[in-house]
Amino acid sequence: ASSCTGTISGNTFTVTSATNTVFSVGQTLTGTGVAAGTVITALVSGGGGTGSTFTVNISQSVSSTTISSTGVSATNANLPPYIVVYMWKRTA
């Protein structure tokens, strides 16, 4: 889960202040005035932290408040099991 100070204007969520926090596509947002079921649908700019902007699925107007997220993130994404293999082929 992530938490920050942010705003939502229309379908744009802006992270105005975040410490050691990164938001990502697929996370559900909650906070004072945030419509139930608000989900991040796309990263518009930035790296997910302070100064980043995202598109959300519900158009709304939320002034500066604490916004938290739940769901998928870069550090706890639900990935299937996998094995990384390094291979080379001799050519001479």
C-alpha atoms as a PDB file:
ATOM      1  CA  ALA A   1       0.000   0.000   0.000  1.00  0.00           C
ATOM      2  CA  SER A   2       1.128   3.529  -0.752  1.00  0.00           C
ATOM      3  CA  SER A   3       0.117   6.858   0.755  1.00  0.00           C
ATOM      4  CA  CYS A   4       0.686  10.460  -0.325  1.00  0.00           C
ATOM      5  CA  THR A   5      -0.717  13.960  -0.443  1.00  0.00           C
ATOM      6  CA  GLY A   6      -2.425  14.386  -3.787  1.00  0.00           C
ATOM      7  CA  THR A   7      -5.270  15.818  -5.827  1.00  0.00           C
ATOM      8  CA  ILE A   8      -7.679  14.490  -8.437  1.00  0.00           C
ATOM      9  CA  SER A   9      -9.036  16.814 -11.106  1.00  0.00           C
ATOM     10  CA  GLY A  10     -11.302  15.181 -13.669  1.00  0.00           C
ATOM     11  CA  ASN A  11      -9.569  11.923 -14.534  1.00  0.00           C
ATOM     12  CA  THR A  12      -6.082  13.123 -13.496  1.00  0.00           C
ATOM     13  CA  PHE A  13      -4.507  12.070 -10.191  1.00  0.00           C
ATOM     14  CA  THR A  14      -1.443  14.138  -9.207  1.00  0.00           C
ATOM     15  CA  VAL A  15       0.977  13.093  -6.450  1.00  0.00           C
ATOM     16  CA  THR A  16       2.034  16.355  -4.770  1.00  0.00           C
ATOM     17  CA  SER A  17       4.056  14.910  -1.885  1.00  0.00           C
ATOM     18  CA  ALA A  18       5.183  11.345  -1.225  1.00  0.00           C
ATOM     19  CA  THR A  19       8.030   9.865   0.814  1.00  0.00           C
ATOM     20  CA  ASN A  20       9.380   6.436  -0.174  1.00  0.00           C
ATOM     21  CA  THR A  21       6.124   5.763  -1.993  1.00  0.00           C
ATOM     22  CA  VAL A  22       5.433   4.673  -5.557  1.00  0.00           C
ATOM     23  CA  PHE A  23       1.981   4.330  -7.116  1.00  0.00           C
ATOM     24  CA  SER A  24       1.317   2.085 -10.118  1.00  0.00           C
ATOM     25  CA  VAL A  25      -1.367   1.137 -12.626  1.00  0.00           C
ATOM     26  CA  GLY A  26      -4.053  -1.150 -11.195  1.00  0.00           C
ATOM     27  CA  GLN A  27      -4.018   0.240  -7.653  1.00  0.00           C
ATOM     28  CA  THR A  28      -7.320   1.279  -6.033  1.00  0.00           C
ATOM     29  CA  LEU A  29      -7.288   4.749  -4.420  1.00  0.00           C
ATOM     30  CA  THR A  30      -9.013   5.732  -1.176  1.00  0.00           C
ATOM     31  CA  GLY A  31      -9.167   8.932   0.862  1.00  0.00           C
ATOM     32  CA  THR A  32     -11.412  11.804   1.901  1.00  0.00           C
ATOM     33  CA  GLY A  33     -13.602  12.718  -1.073  1.00  0.00           C
ATOM     34  CA  VAL A  34     -12.196   9.987  -3.356  1.00  0.00           C
ATOM     35  CA  ALA A  35     -15.013   8.112  -5.117  1.00  0.00           C
ATOM     36  CA  ALA A  36     -15.333   4.434  -4.178  1.00  0.00           C
ATOM     37  CA  GLY A  37     -13.835   2.167  -6.831  1.00  0.00           C
ATOM     38  CA  THR A  38     -11.312   4.740  -8.128  1.00  0.00           C
ATOM     39  CA  VAL A  39      -8.515   2.816  -9.895  1.00  0.00           C
ATOM     40  CA  ILE A  40      -5.299   4.059 -11.553  1.00  0.00           C
ATOM     41  CA  THR A  41      -5.576   3.184 -15.254  1.00  0.00           C
ATOM     42  CA  ALA A  42      -2.407   4.771 -16.736  1.00  0.00           C
ATOM     43  CA  LEU A  43       0.819   6.575 -15.842  1.00  0.00           C
ATOM     44  CA  VAL A  44       0.910   9.948 -17.635  1.00  0.00           C
ATOM     45  CA  SER A  45       4.242  11.297 -16.387  1.00  0.00           C
ATOM     46  CA  GLY A  46       6.888  10.763 -13.703  1.00  0.00           C
ATOM     47  CA  GLY A  47       8.159   7.650 -11.992  1.00  0.00           C
ATOM     48  CA  GLY A  48       5.202   6.987  -9.708  1.00  0.00           C
ATOM     49  CA  GLY A  49       6.267   9.197  -6.786  1.00  0.00           C
ATOM     50  CA  THR A  50       6.186  12.950  -6.062  1.00  0.00           C
ATOM     51  CA  GLY A  51       5.279  14.986  -9.146  1.00  0.00           C
ATOM     52  CA  SER A  52       3.819  12.017 -11.031  1.00  0.00           C
ATOM     53  CA  THR A  53       0.453  12.180 -12.779  1.00  0.00           C
ATOM     54  CA  PHE A  54      -1.884   9.285 -13.507  1.00  0.00           C
ATOM     55  CA  THR A  55      -5.213   8.704 -15.233  1.00  0.00           C
ATOM     56  CA  VAL A  56      -8.010   7.299 -13.043  1.00  0.00           C
ATOM     57  CA  ASN A  57     -11.233   5.570 -14.115  1.00  0.00           C
ATOM     58  CA  ILE A  58     -13.713   7.918 -12.363  1.00  0.00           C
ATOM     59  CA  SER A  59     -13.887  11.658 -13.115  1.00  0.00           C
ATOM     60  CA  GLN A  60     -14.028  13.678  -9.869  1.00  0.00           C
ATOM     61  CA  SER A  61     -12.717  16.736  -8.044  1.00  0.00           C
ATOM     62  CA  VAL A  62     -10.659  16.083  -4.910  1.00  0.00           C
ATOM     63  CA  SER A  63      -8.674  18.916  -3.317  1.00  0.00           C
ATOM     64  CA  SER A  64      -5.343  18.266  -1.601  1.00  0.00           C
ATOM     65  CA  THR A  65      -5.767  15.365   0.820  1.00  0.00           C
ATOM     66  CA  THR A  66      -4.122  12.128   1.955  1.00  0.00           C
ATOM     67  CA  ILE A  67      -4.684   9.472  -0.698  1.00  0.00           C
ATOM     68  CA  SER A  68      -3.854   5.819  -0.073  1.00  0.00           C
ATOM     69  CA  SER A  69      -3.747   2.861  -2.427  1.00  0.00           C
ATOM     70  CA  THR A  70      -4.274  -0.875  -2.278  1.00  0.00           C
ATOM     71  CA  GLY A  71      -3.657  -3.593  -4.810  1.00  0.00           C
ATOM     72  CA  VAL A  72      -0.906  -4.216  -7.330  1.00  0.00           C
ATOM     73  CA  SER A  73       2.433  -2.442  -6.969  1.00  0.00           C
ATOM     74  CA  ALA A  74       5.862  -2.775  -8.480  1.00  0.00           C
ATOM     75  CA  THR A  75       7.150  -4.567  -5.376  1.00  0.00           C
ATOM     76  CA  ASN A  76       4.307  -7.013  -4.722  1.00  0.00           C
ATOM     77  CA  ALA A  77       2.826  -7.740  -8.131  1.00  0.00           C
ATOM     78  CA  ASN A  78       1.190 -11.155  -8.464  1.00  0.00           C
ATOM     79  CA  LEU A  79       3.498 -12.878 -10.956  1.00  0.00           C
ATOM     80  CA  PRO A  80       3.482 -16.525 -12.028  1.00  0.00           C
ATOM     81  CA  PRO A  81       6.531 -18.639 -11.109  1.00  0.00           C
ATOM     82  CA  TYR A  82       9.417 -18.201 -13.503  1.00  0.00           C
ATOM     83  CA  ILE A  83      13.086 -19.096 -13.983  1.00  0.00           C
ATOM     84  CA  VAL A  84      15.638 -16.760 -15.526  1.00  0.00           C
ATOM     85  CA  VAL A  85      18.125 -18.536 -17.808  1.00  0.00           C
ATOM     86  CA  TYR A  86      21.291 -17.108 -19.328  1.00  0.00           C
ATOM     87  CA  MET A  87      22.383 -18.868 -22.531  1.00  0.00           C
ATOM     88  CA  TRP A  88      25.152 -18.449 -25.076  1.00  0.00           C
ATOM     89  CA  LYS A  89      26.069 -20.198 -28.272  1.00  0.00           C
ATOM     90  CA  ARG A  90      29.596 -20.790 -29.483  1.00  0.00           C
ATOM     91  CA  THR A  91      30.050 -19.466 -33.026  1.00  0.00           C
ATOM     92  CA  ALA A  92      33.677 -20.315 -33.793  1.00  0.00           C
END
